[in-house]
C-alpha atoms as a PDB file:
ATOM      1  CA  MET A   1      96.426 116.246  90.280  1.00  0.00           C
ATOM      2  CA  ASN A   2      98.546 114.701  87.569  1.00  0.00           C
ATOM      3  CA  LEU A   3      97.875 110.985  87.097  1.00  0.00           C
ATOM      4  CA  GLN A   4     100.793 110.604  84.679  1.00  0.00           C
ATOM      5  CA  ASP A   5     103.068 109.197  87.369  1.00  0.00           C
ATOM      6  CA  LEU A   6     100.617 106.847  89.043  1.00  0.00           C
ATOM      7  CA  ASN A   7     102.281 103.512  89.667  1.00  0.00           C
ATOM      8  CA  ILE A   8      99.259 101.212  89.411  1.00  0.00           C
ATOM      9  CA  ARG A   9      99.673  99.097  86.311  1.00  0.00           C
ATOM     10  CA  ARG A  10      96.692  98.564  84.060  1.00  0.00           C
ATOM     11  CA  ARG A  11      95.145  95.130  84.610  1.00  0.00           C
ATOM     12  CA  LYS A  12      95.332  93.783  81.086  1.00  0.00           C
ATOM     13  CA  VAL A  13      92.290  91.967  79.705  1.00  0.00           C
ATOM     14  CA  SER A  14      91.867  91.275  76.021  1.00  0.00           C
ATOM     15  CA  ARG A  15      88.742  92.862  74.550  1.00  0.00           C
ATOM     16  CA  THR A  16      88.663  90.662  71.447  1.00  0.00           C
ATOM     17  CA  GLN A  17      87.754  87.238  72.753  1.00  0.00           C
ATOM     18  CA  GLY A  18      84.709  85.671  71.076  1.00  0.00           C
ATOM     19  CA  LEU A  19      83.309  84.451  74.357  1.00  0.00           C
ATOM     20  CA  SER A  20      79.674  83.952  75.263  1.00  0.00           C
ATOM     21  CA  LEU A  21      78.981  85.572  78.616  1.00  0.00           C
ATOM     22  CA  ASN A  22      75.327  84.679  79.015  1.00  0.00           C
ATOM     23  CA  ASN A  23      75.688  83.117  82.473  1.00  0.00           C
ATOM     24  CA  ALA A  24      78.329  85.557  83.652  1.00  0.00           C
ATOM     25  CA  GLY A  25      76.243  88.414  82.319  1.00  0.00           C
ATOM     26  CA  LYS A  26      73.277  87.280  84.374  1.00  0.00           C
ATOM     27  CA  ALA A  27      75.432  87.150  87.464  1.00  0.00           C
ATOM     28  CA  LEU A  28      76.887  90.586  86.851  1.00  0.00           C
ATOM     29  CA  ALA A  29      73.559  92.129  85.815  1.00  0.00           C
ATOM     30  CA  LEU A  30      71.611  90.919  88.835  1.00  0.00           C
ATOM     31  CA  SER A  31      69.605  93.658  90.487  1.00  0.00           C
ATOM     32  CA  LEU A  32      70.385  93.109  94.148  1.00  0.00           C
ATOM     33  CA  LEU A  33      68.851  94.824  97.134  1.00  0.00           C
ATOM     34  CA  LEU A  34      70.731  94.218 100.347  1.00  0.00           C
ATOM     35  CA  THR A  35      68.471  94.553 103.362  1.00  0.00           C
ATOM     36  CA  GLN A  36      69.513  95.220 106.922  1.00  0.00           C
ATOM     37  CA  SER A  37      68.566  91.702 107.891  1.00  0.00           C
ATOM     38  CA  ILE A  38      71.419  90.321 105.745  1.00  0.00           C
ATOM     39  CA  LEU A  39      74.228  92.256 107.381  1.00  0.00           C
ATOM     40  CA  ALA A  40      73.043  94.446 110.230  1.00  0.00           C
ATOM     41  CA  ALA A  41      71.677  91.476 112.167  1.00  0.00           C
ATOM     42  CA  GLN A  42      75.125  89.914 112.184  1.00  0.00           C
ATOM     43  CA  THR A  43      77.960  90.659 114.590  1.00  0.00           C
ATOM     44  CA  VAL A  44      80.500  91.766 112.023  1.00  0.00           C
ATOM     45  CA  ALA A  45      84.152  92.606 112.407  1.00  0.00           C
ATOM     46  CA  PRO A  46      85.621  95.970 111.403  1.00  0.00           C
ATOM     47  CA  VAL A  47      87.571  96.261 108.156  1.00  0.00           C
ATOM     48  CA  THR A  48      90.867  96.280 110.064  1.00  0.00           C
ATOM     49  CA  ASN A  49      92.090  94.335 113.086  1.00  0.00           C
ATOM     50  CA  GLU A  50      93.255  97.503 114.799  1.00  0.00           C
ATOM     51  CA  ALA A  51      91.898 101.011 114.442  1.00  0.00           C
ATOM     52  CA  THR A  52      94.054 103.084 112.098  1.00  0.00           C
ATOM     53  CA  ASN A  53      92.098 106.319 112.568  1.00  0.00           C
ATOM     54  CA  LYS A  54      93.225 107.156 109.037  1.00  0.00           C
ATOM     55  CA  PHE A  55      90.933 107.536 106.061  1.00  0.00           C
ATOM     56  CA  HIS A  56      91.660 107.296 102.347  1.00  0.00           C
ATOM     57  CA  PRO A  57      88.619 108.683 100.492  1.00  0.00           C
ATOM     58  CA  GLY A  58      88.158 106.911  97.177  1.00  0.00           C
ATOM     59  CA  LYS A  59      89.946 103.736  98.242  1.00  0.00           C
ATOM     60  CA  VAL A  60      88.148 100.396  97.864  1.00  0.00           C
ATOM     61  CA  ILE A  61      88.279  99.244 101.476  1.00  0.00           C
ATOM     62  CA  TRP A  62      85.968  96.233 101.583  1.00  0.00           C
ATOM     63  CA  VAL A  63      84.203  93.598  99.489  1.00  0.00           C
ATOM     64  CA  ASP A  64      81.145  91.456 100.223  1.00  0.00           C
ATOM     65  CA  LEU A  65      80.010  88.347  98.388  1.00  0.00           C
ATOM     66  CA  ILE A  66      76.224  87.956  98.309  1.00  0.00           C
ATOM     67  CA  THR A  67      75.234  84.404  97.436  1.00  0.00           C
ATOM     68  CA  ASN A  68      72.600  81.697  97.773  1.00  0.00           C
ATOM     69  CA  ASP A  69      75.065  79.221  99.265  1.00  0.00           C
ATOM     70  CA  VAL A  70      77.374  80.669 101.908  1.00  0.00           C
ATOM     71  CA  SER A  71      78.797  77.286 102.886  1.00  0.00           C
ATOM     72  CA  ARG A  72      79.738  76.304  99.345  1.00  0.00           C
ATOM     73  CA  ALA A  73      81.265  79.691  98.613  1.00  0.00           C
ATOM     74  CA  ALA A  74      83.219  79.643 101.876  1.00  0.00           C
ATOM     75  CA  SER A  75      84.601  76.197 101.105  1.00  0.00           C
ATOM     76  CA  PHE A  76      85.754  77.343  97.664  1.00  0.00           C
ATOM     77  CA  TYR A  77      87.636  80.404  98.904  1.00  0.00           C
ATOM     78  CA  ARG A  78      89.159  78.433 101.761  1.00  0.00           C
ATOM     79  CA  GLN A  79      90.508  75.727  99.469  1.00  0.00           C
ATOM     80  CA  VAL A  80      91.615  77.906  96.559  1.00  0.00           C
ATOM     81  CA  PHE A  81      93.018  80.948  98.359  1.00  0.00           C
ATOM     82  CA  GLY A  82      93.648  79.718 101.889  1.00  0.00           C
ATOM     83  CA  TRP A  83      91.173  82.127 103.443  1.00  0.00           C
ATOM     84  CA  GLU A  84      90.297  81.443 107.057  1.00  0.00           C
ATOM     85  CA  ILE A  85      86.489  81.336 107.357  1.00  0.00           C
ATOM     86  CA  THR A  86      84.379  81.968 110.440  1.00  0.00           C
ATOM     87  CA  SER A  87      80.678  81.223 109.901  1.00  0.00           C
ATOM     88  CA  SER A  88      77.682  82.349 111.904  1.00  0.00           C
ATOM     89  CA  PRO A  89      75.742  79.617 113.768  1.00  0.00           C
ATOM     90  CA  GLU A  90      72.798  79.750 111.368  1.00  0.00           C
ATOM     91  CA  GLY A  91      75.097  79.603 108.334  1.00  0.00           C
ATOM     92  CA  GLY A  92      73.815  82.741 106.639  1.00  0.00           C
ATOM     93  CA  PHE A  93      76.954  84.798 107.097  1.00  0.00           C
ATOM     94  CA  ALA A  94      80.713  84.236 107.146  1.00  0.00           C
ATOM     95  CA  GLU A  95      83.798  86.346 107.575  1.00  0.00           C
ATOM     96  CA  ALA A  96      87.005  85.616 105.711  1.00  0.00           C
ATOM     97  CA  ARG A  97      90.534  86.409 106.832  1.00  0.00           C
ATOM     98  CA  TYR A  98      93.899  85.740 105.285  1.00  0.00           C
ATOM     99  CA  GLN A  99      96.900  85.404 107.569  1.00  0.00           C
ATOM    100  CA  GLY A 100      94.746  86.876 110.298  1.00  0.00           C
ATOM    101  CA  GLN A 101      93.739  89.994 108.374  1.00  0.00           C
ATOM    102  CA  PRO A 102      90.110  90.694 107.341  1.00  0.00           C
ATOM    103  CA  VAL A 103      89.633  90.162 103.616  1.00  0.00           C
ATOM    104  CA  ALA A 104      85.893  89.764 102.840  1.00  0.00           C
ATOM    105  CA  ALA A 105      82.437  88.865 104.089  1.00  0.00           C
ATOM    106  CA  ILE A 106      80.053  86.304 102.598  1.00  0.00           C
ATOM    107  CA  ALA A 107      76.336  86.801 103.156  1.00  0.00           C
ATOM    108  CA  ALA A 108      73.180  84.995 102.060  1.00  0.00           C
ATOM    109  CA  TYR A 109      70.380  86.572 100.080  1.00  0.00           C
ATOM    110  CA  GLU A 110      67.505  87.361 102.392  1.00  0.00           C
ATOM    111  CA  ASP A 111      64.834  85.766 100.206  1.00  0.00           C
ATOM    112  CA  GLY A 112      66.960  83.592  97.976  1.00  0.00           C
ATOM    113  CA  ALA A 113      67.895  84.108  94.341  1.00  0.00           C
ATOM    114  CA  PRO A 114      68.204  81.926  91.248  1.00  0.00           C
ATOM    115  CA  ASP A 115      71.294  79.738  91.004  1.00  0.00           C
ATOM    116  CA  ASN A 116      74.497  81.315  89.711  1.00  0.00           C
ATOM    117  CA  GLU A 117      73.486  84.866  90.558  1.00  0.00           C
ATOM    118  CA  ALA A 118      75.952  85.585  93.327  1.00  0.00           C
ATOM    119  CA  ARG A 119      77.878  88.824  93.104  1.00  0.00           C
ATOM    120  CA  TRP A 120      80.829  90.625  94.630  1.00  0.00           C
ATOM    121  CA  LEU A 121      80.029  94.083  95.970  1.00  0.00           C
ATOM    122  CA  ILE A 122      82.770  96.675  96.581  1.00  0.00           C
ATOM    123  CA  SER A 123      82.785  99.406  99.238  1.00  0.00           C
ATOM    124  CA  ILE A 124      84.510 102.743  98.589  1.00  0.00           C
ATOM    125  CA  SER A 125      85.675 104.934 101.453  1.00  0.00           C
ATOM    126  CA  VAL A 126      83.971 108.303 101.867  1.00  0.00           C
ATOM    127  CA  PRO A 127      84.255 110.850 104.700  1.00  0.00           C
ATOM    128  CA  ASP A 128      80.510 111.511 104.982  1.00  0.00           C
ATOM    129  CA  VAL A 129      78.053 108.808 103.924  1.00  0.00           C
ATOM    130  CA  ASP A 130      74.974 111.028 104.241  1.00  0.00           C
ATOM    131  CA  LYS A 131      76.456 113.736 102.063  1.00  0.00           C
ATOM    132  CA  THR A 132      77.607 111.114  99.566  1.00  0.00           C
ATOM    133  CA  SER A 133      74.107 109.633  99.461  1.00  0.00           C
ATOM    134  CA  ALA A 134      72.670 113.030  98.557  1.00  0.00           C
ATOM    135  CA  MET A 135      75.329 113.493  95.869  1.00  0.00           C
ATOM    136  CA  VAL A 136      74.468 110.103  94.363  1.00  0.00           C
ATOM    137  CA  LEU A 137      70.873 111.232  93.887  1.00  0.00           C
ATOM    138  CA  GLU A 138      71.892 114.643  92.597  1.00  0.00           C
ATOM    139  CA  HIS A 139      74.096 113.131  89.895  1.00  0.00           C
ATOM    140  CA  GLY A 140      71.784 110.477  88.500  1.00  0.00           C
ATOM    141  CA  GLY A 141      72.335 107.491  90.768  1.00  0.00           C
ATOM    142  CA  LYS A 142      69.901 105.640  93.006  1.00  0.00           C
ATOM    143  CA  VAL A 143      69.973 104.941  96.731  1.00  0.00           C
ATOM    144  CA  LEU A 144      68.922 101.333  97.333  1.00  0.00           C
ATOM    145  CA  GLU A 145      69.457 101.120 101.079  1.00  0.00           C
ATOM    146  CA  GLY A 146      70.571 103.431 103.836  1.00  0.00           C
ATOM    147  CA  PRO A 147      72.433 105.374 104.923  1.00  0.00           C
ATOM    148  CA  VAL A 148      72.553 103.054 107.929  1.00  0.00           C
ATOM    149  CA  ASP A 149      75.000 102.165 110.689  1.00  0.00           C
ATOM    150  CA  LEU A 150      76.390  98.639 110.787  1.00  0.00           C
ATOM    151  CA  PRO A 151      77.858  97.822 114.208  1.00  0.00           C
ATOM    152  CA  ASN A 152      81.661  97.527 114.122  1.00  0.00           C
ATOM    153  CA  ARG A 153      81.790  98.023 110.341  1.00  0.00           C
ATOM    154  CA  GLY A 154      80.715 101.664 110.026  1.00  0.00           C
ATOM    155  CA  ARG A 155      78.075 103.714 108.246  1.00  0.00           C
ATOM    156  CA  TYR A 156      77.215 102.741 104.681  1.00  0.00           C
ATOM    157  CA  VAL A 157      74.826 103.332 101.830  1.00  0.00           C
ATOM    158  CA  LEU A 158      74.063 100.883  99.012  1.00  0.00           C
ATOM    159  CA  VAL A 159      73.598 102.563  95.634  1.00  0.00           C
ATOM    160  CA  ASN A 160      73.443 102.233  91.885  1.00  0.00           C
ATOM    161  CA  ASP A 161      75.743 104.702  90.168  1.00  0.00           C
ATOM    162  CA  SER A 162      74.475 106.722  87.209  1.00  0.00           C
ATOM    163  CA  SER A 163      75.091 103.777  84.850  1.00  0.00           C
ATOM    164  CA  GLY A 164      73.360 101.236  87.099  1.00  0.00           C
ATOM    165  CA  ALA A 165      76.476  99.599  88.592  1.00  0.00           C
ATOM    166  CA  MET A 166      75.949  98.612  92.230  1.00  0.00           C
ATOM    167  CA  LEU A 167      78.333  99.426  95.072  1.00  0.00           C
ATOM    168  CA  MET A 168      78.523 100.647  98.645  1.00  0.00           C
ATOM    169  CA  PHE A 169      79.995 103.812 100.069  1.00  0.00           C
ATOM    170  CA  LEU A 170      81.390 103.284 103.556  1.00  0.00           C
ATOM    171  CA  GLN A 171      82.770 105.356 106.417  1.00  0.00           C
ATOM    172  CA  ALA A 172      84.590 102.653 108.336  1.00  0.00           C
ATOM    173  CA  SER A 173      84.614 102.507 112.107  1.00  0.00           C
ATOM    174  CA  GLY A 174      88.161 103.047 113.321  1.00  0.00           C
ATOM    175  CA  GLY A 175      89.501 104.090 109.933  1.00  0.00           C
ATOM    176  CA  ASP A 176      90.489 102.481 106.638  1.00  0.00           C
ATOM    177  CA  PRO A 177      93.110  99.798 105.992  1.00  0.00           C
ATOM    178  CA  LEU A 178      96.501 101.401 105.476  1.00  0.00           C
ATOM    179  CA  ASP A 179      97.950 101.688 102.005  1.00  0.00           C
ATOM    180  CA  GLY A 180     100.721  99.205 101.366  1.00  0.00           C
ATOM    181  CA  LYS A 181     102.188  96.774  98.891  1.00  0.00           C
ATOM    182  CA  PRO A 182      99.536  94.256  97.801  1.00  0.00           C
ATOM    183  CA  THR A 183     100.080  90.686  98.920  1.00  0.00           C
ATOM    184  CA  PRO A 184      98.872  87.456  97.260  1.00  0.00           C
ATOM    185  CA  ASN A 185      95.391  86.161  98.065  1.00  0.00           C
ATOM    186  CA  ASN A 186      94.248  89.688  98.899  1.00  0.00           C
ATOM    187  CA  TRP A 187      92.346  92.230  96.830  1.00  0.00           C
ATOM    188  CA  LEU A 188      94.452  94.273  94.462  1.00  0.00           C
ATOM    189  CA  TRP A 189      92.223  96.495  92.344  1.00  0.00           C
ATOM    190  CA  ALA A 190      88.696  97.247  91.165  1.00  0.00           C
ATOM    191  CA  GLU A 191      87.511  98.103  87.681  1.00  0.00           C
ATOM    192  CA  LEU A 192      84.178  99.519  86.537  1.00  0.00           C
ATOM    193  CA  TRP A 193      82.746  98.097  83.319  1.00  0.00           C
ATOM    194  CA  THR A 194      80.251 100.498  81.767  1.00  0.00           C
ATOM    195  CA  ASP A 195      78.855 101.504  78.388  1.00  0.00           C
ATOM    196  CA  ASP A 196      79.802 105.156  78.947  1.00  0.00           C
ATOM    197  CA  PRO A 197      83.159 105.625  80.717  1.00  0.00           C
ATOM    198  CA  ASP A 198      83.096 109.410  80.373  1.00  0.00           C
ATOM    199  CA  SER A 199      79.712 109.702  82.037  1.00  0.00           C
ATOM    200  CA  ALA A 200      80.790 107.303  84.780  1.00  0.00           C
ATOM    201  CA  ALA A 201      83.949 109.317  85.416  1.00  0.00           C
ATOM    202  CA  ASN A 202      81.880 112.476  85.773  1.00  0.00           C
ATOM    203  CA  PHE A 203      79.625 110.746  88.300  1.00  0.00           C
ATOM    204  CA  TYR A 204      82.518 109.536  90.461  1.00  0.00           C
ATOM    205  CA  LYS A 205      84.283 112.901  90.136  1.00  0.00           C
ATOM    206  CA  ALA A 206      81.245 114.607  91.614  1.00  0.00           C
ATOM    207  CA  VAL A 207      80.409 111.980  94.234  1.00  0.00           C
ATOM    208  CA  VAL A 208      83.835 110.715  95.339  1.00  0.00           C
ATOM    209  CA  GLY A 209      86.173 113.497  94.236  1.00  0.00           C
ATOM    210  CA  TYR A 210      88.160 111.381  91.792  1.00  0.00           C
ATOM    211  CA  LYS A 211      90.232 112.906  89.045  1.00  0.00           C
ATOM    212  CA  SER A 212      90.730 110.912  85.880  1.00  0.00           C
ATOM    213  CA  LYS A 213      93.247 110.281  83.153  1.00  0.00           C
ATOM    214  CA  THR A 214      92.770 108.114  80.061  1.00  0.00           C
ATOM    215  CA  VAL A 215      95.681 105.862  79.150  1.00  0.00           C
ATOM    216  CA  SER A 216      96.152 103.004  76.683  1.00  0.00           C
ATOM    217  CA  ASP A 217      96.730  99.414  77.766  1.00  0.00           C
ATOM    218  CA  THR A 218      99.065  97.012  75.984  1.00  0.00           C
ATOM    219  CA  ASN A 219      96.351  96.190  73.436  1.00  0.00           C
ATOM    220  CA  GLY A 220      95.732  99.839  72.573  1.00  0.00           C
ATOM    221  CA  ASN A 221      92.417 100.015  74.420  1.00  0.00           C
ATOM    222  CA  ASP A 222      91.459 103.108  76.356  1.00  0.00           C
ATOM    223  CA  VAL A 223      91.454 102.768  80.127  1.00  0.00           C
ATOM    224  CA  MET A 224      90.358 105.562  82.422  1.00  0.00           C
ATOM    225  CA  MET A 225      92.263 105.709  85.702  1.00  0.00           C
ATOM    226  CA  LEU A 226      90.501 107.204  88.725  1.00  0.00           C
ATOM    227  CA  GLY A 227      92.464 108.629  91.627  1.00  0.00           C
ATOM    228  CA  ARG A 228      92.723 111.084  94.474  1.00  0.00           C
ATOM    229  CA  GLN A 229      95.698 112.938  95.899  1.00  0.00           C
ATOM    230  CA  GLY A 230      98.091 111.368  93.409  1.00  0.00           C
ATOM    231  CA  THR A 231      97.081 107.788  94.121  1.00  0.00           C
ATOM    232  CA  ALA A 232      95.218 105.588  91.634  1.00  0.00           C
ATOM    233  CA  ARG A 233      92.241 103.864  93.220  1.00  0.00           C
ATOM    234  CA  ALA A 234      90.263 102.244  90.387  1.00  0.00           C
ATOM    235  CA  SER A 235      89.830 102.108  86.628  1.00  0.00           C
ATOM    236  CA  VAL A 236      86.968 102.377  84.156  1.00  0.00           C
ATOM    237  CA  VAL A 237      86.653 100.626  80.806  1.00  0.00           C
ATOM    238  CA  LYS A 238      83.963 100.319  78.198  1.00  0.00           C
ATOM    239  CA  THR A 239      82.154  97.015  78.651  1.00  0.00           C
ATOM    240  CA  PRO A 240      83.730  94.703  76.074  1.00  0.00           C
ATOM    241  CA  TRP A 241      80.780  92.363  75.520  1.00  0.00           C
ATOM    242  CA  GLU A 242      77.042  92.417  75.101  1.00  0.00           C
ATOM    243  CA  ASP A 243      74.829  90.920  77.829  1.00  0.00           C
ATOM    244  CA  VAL A 244      77.031  92.315  80.609  1.00  0.00           C
ATOM    245  CA  GLU A 245      75.421  95.165  82.505  1.00  0.00           C
ATOM    246  CA  PRO A 246      77.503  97.879  84.200  1.00  0.00           C
ATOM    247  CA  ASN A 247      79.303  96.407  87.197  1.00  0.00           C
ATOM    248  CA  TRP A 248      82.358  96.665  89.395  1.00  0.00           C
ATOM    249  CA  LEU A 249      84.872  93.834  88.913  1.00  0.00           C
ATOM    250  CA  PRO A 250      87.297  93.230  91.823  1.00  0.00           C
ATOM    251  CA  TYR A 251      90.799  91.841  91.188  1.00  0.00           C
ATOM    252  CA  LEU A 252      92.528  89.343  93.480  1.00  0.00           C
ATOM    253  CA  LEU A 253      96.326  89.062  93.467  1.00  0.00           C
ATOM    254  CA  VAL A 254      97.766  85.540  93.156  1.00  0.00           C
ATOM    255  CA  ASN A 255     101.261  84.057  93.040  1.00  0.00           C
ATOM    256  CA  ASP A 256     100.766  81.774  90.038  1.00  0.00           C
ATOM    257  CA  ILE A 257      97.787  82.230  87.774  1.00  0.00           C
ATOM    258  CA  GLY A 258      98.149  78.858  86.063  1.00  0.00           C
ATOM    259  CA  LYS A 259      98.084  76.920  89.317  1.00  0.00           C
ATOM    260  CA  THR A 260      95.278  79.078  90.653  1.00  0.00           C
ATOM    261  CA  LEU A 261      93.087  78.459  87.612  1.00  0.00           C
ATOM    262  CA  LYS A 262      93.542  74.704  87.998  1.00  0.00           C
ATOM    263  CA  SER A 263      92.528  75.012  91.630  1.00  0.00           C
ATOM    264  CA  VAL A 264      89.502  77.151  90.725  1.00  0.00           C
ATOM    265  CA  GLU A 265      88.212  74.418  88.426  1.00  0.00           C
ATOM    266  CA  LYS A 266      89.161  71.593  90.789  1.00  0.00           C
ATOM    267  CA  HIS A 267      87.042  73.127  93.538  1.00  0.00           C
ATOM    268  CA  GLY A 268      83.949  73.793  91.453  1.00  0.00           C
ATOM    269  CA  GLY A 269      84.607  77.225  89.997  1.00  0.00           C
ATOM    270  CA  SER A 270      84.864  78.127  86.318  1.00  0.00           C
ATOM    271  CA  VAL A 271      87.159  80.143  84.074  1.00  0.00           C
ATOM    272  CA  VAL A 272      85.198  82.848  82.278  1.00  0.00           C
ATOM    273  CA  LEU A 273      88.135  84.270  80.309  1.00  0.00           C
ATOM    274  CA  TYR A 274      91.823  83.451  80.110  1.00  0.00           C
ATOM    275  CA  ALA A 275      94.031  84.390  77.152  1.00  0.00           C
ATOM    276  CA  ALA A 276      96.788  81.908  77.958  1.00  0.00           C
ATOM    277  CA  ASN A 277      98.526  82.283  74.593  1.00  0.00           C
ATOM    278  CA  ASP A 278      98.493  86.087  74.616  1.00  0.00           C
ATOM    279  CA  SER A 279     101.688  87.227  76.328  1.00  0.00           C
ATOM    280  CA  ALA A 280     100.166  90.642  77.055  1.00  0.00           C
ATOM    281  CA  ASN A 281      97.270  89.062  78.910  1.00  0.00           C
ATOM    282  CA  ALA A 282      98.596  85.788  80.259  1.00  0.00           C
ATOM    283  CA  ASP A 283      98.786  87.147  83.790  1.00  0.00           C
ATOM    284  CA  VAL A 284      95.068  88.002  84.069  1.00  0.00           C
ATOM    285  CA  ALA A 285      91.915  85.883  84.107  1.00  0.00           C
ATOM    286  CA  ILE A 286      88.248  86.295  84.928  1.00  0.00           C
ATOM    287  CA  VAL A 287      86.695  83.481  86.937  1.00  0.00           C
ATOM    288  CA  ALA A 288      83.512  82.574  88.798  1.00  0.00           C
ATOM    289  CA  ASP A 289      83.153  80.732  92.081  1.00  0.00           C
ATOM    290  CA  PRO A 290      80.768  77.733  92.303  1.00  0.00           C
ATOM    291  CA  THR A 291      77.875  79.988  93.379  1.00  0.00           C
ATOM    292  CA  GLY A 292      78.326  82.392  90.448  1.00  0.00           C
ATOM    293  CA  GLY A 293      80.378  85.193  92.004  1.00  0.00           C
ATOM    294  CA  VAL A 294      82.545  86.681  89.230  1.00  0.00           C
ATOM    295  CA  PHE A 295      85.937  88.262  89.920  1.00  0.00           C
ATOM    296  CA  ALA A 296      89.327  88.659  88.275  1.00  0.00           C
ATOM    297  CA  LEU A 297      92.754  87.219  89.046  1.00  0.00           C
ATOM    298  CA  GLN A 298      96.029  89.124  88.557  1.00  0.00           C
ATOM    299  CA  GLN A 299      99.349  87.313  88.817  1.00  0.00           C
ATOM    300  CA  ARG A 300     102.037  88.927  90.938  1.00  0.00           C
ATOM    301  CA  GLU A 301     104.307  91.002  88.686  1.00  0.00           C
ATOM    302  CA  ASP A 302     107.582  89.444  89.848  1.00  0.00           C
ATOM    303  CA  ARG A 303     106.305  86.013  88.684  1.00  0.00           C
ATOM    304  CA  LYS A 304     106.080  87.094  85.046  1.00  0.00           C
END
């Protein structure tokens, strides 16, 4: 596969900001173990409203926010991004939709965790979770939970990759969301931050079947694109700061990054990084919700 013609634009983030990431680093470095009681005890919706019966191995098909305060997190995402939230009676779980389409789940830690240690957790589509679990172990990763079936959602396994970054592999019930043009207030992309991009690429090549190509972003930094069957699915970069452990960073598409950042702060979130005066990076920011969940924002290209 030739990744030269892939049409996913590099999400530009400056690597030269003198920013202290102590709190964000703690959030991103948190060693989380999901247990079945967090998710499997819930009645969860599938990743799509209607079964597609189509699968896109390597695609990021779902994200979960694990937090100490489901209600506060739900309120933030409702007010900032217009997500429609449905909470469980006991308040330990919520599902988020946007314009009627599933977008994320928010779940409470089983035993609680220190403040500001929420995290977003991505799920990558695979055709065989049990085989993938074995491949994770064979290639230097760790299996933290599963494989296990989650009613309506599918079969999943929670792992650390070979660098220690946490994620899920999922075979979704009824198929994956269809590929299509990203829309605002929905997930756009996912990027792995790691100290050793080459090693990470080898891990995901073996486990997921990705092929890779290294390109340069607008600042001249190397970015490794991961893809399958001619479609880019994720990227890998060398972690730009100390105190940030390997992690997957999801990107959310927004209409207007300036207005969104004001709303983030108004509703209790914080801006971790925004290079407003750098024209090459003024359409990207890294933010945290009020419970500590860190994610990135990407402004819609036609608003530039």
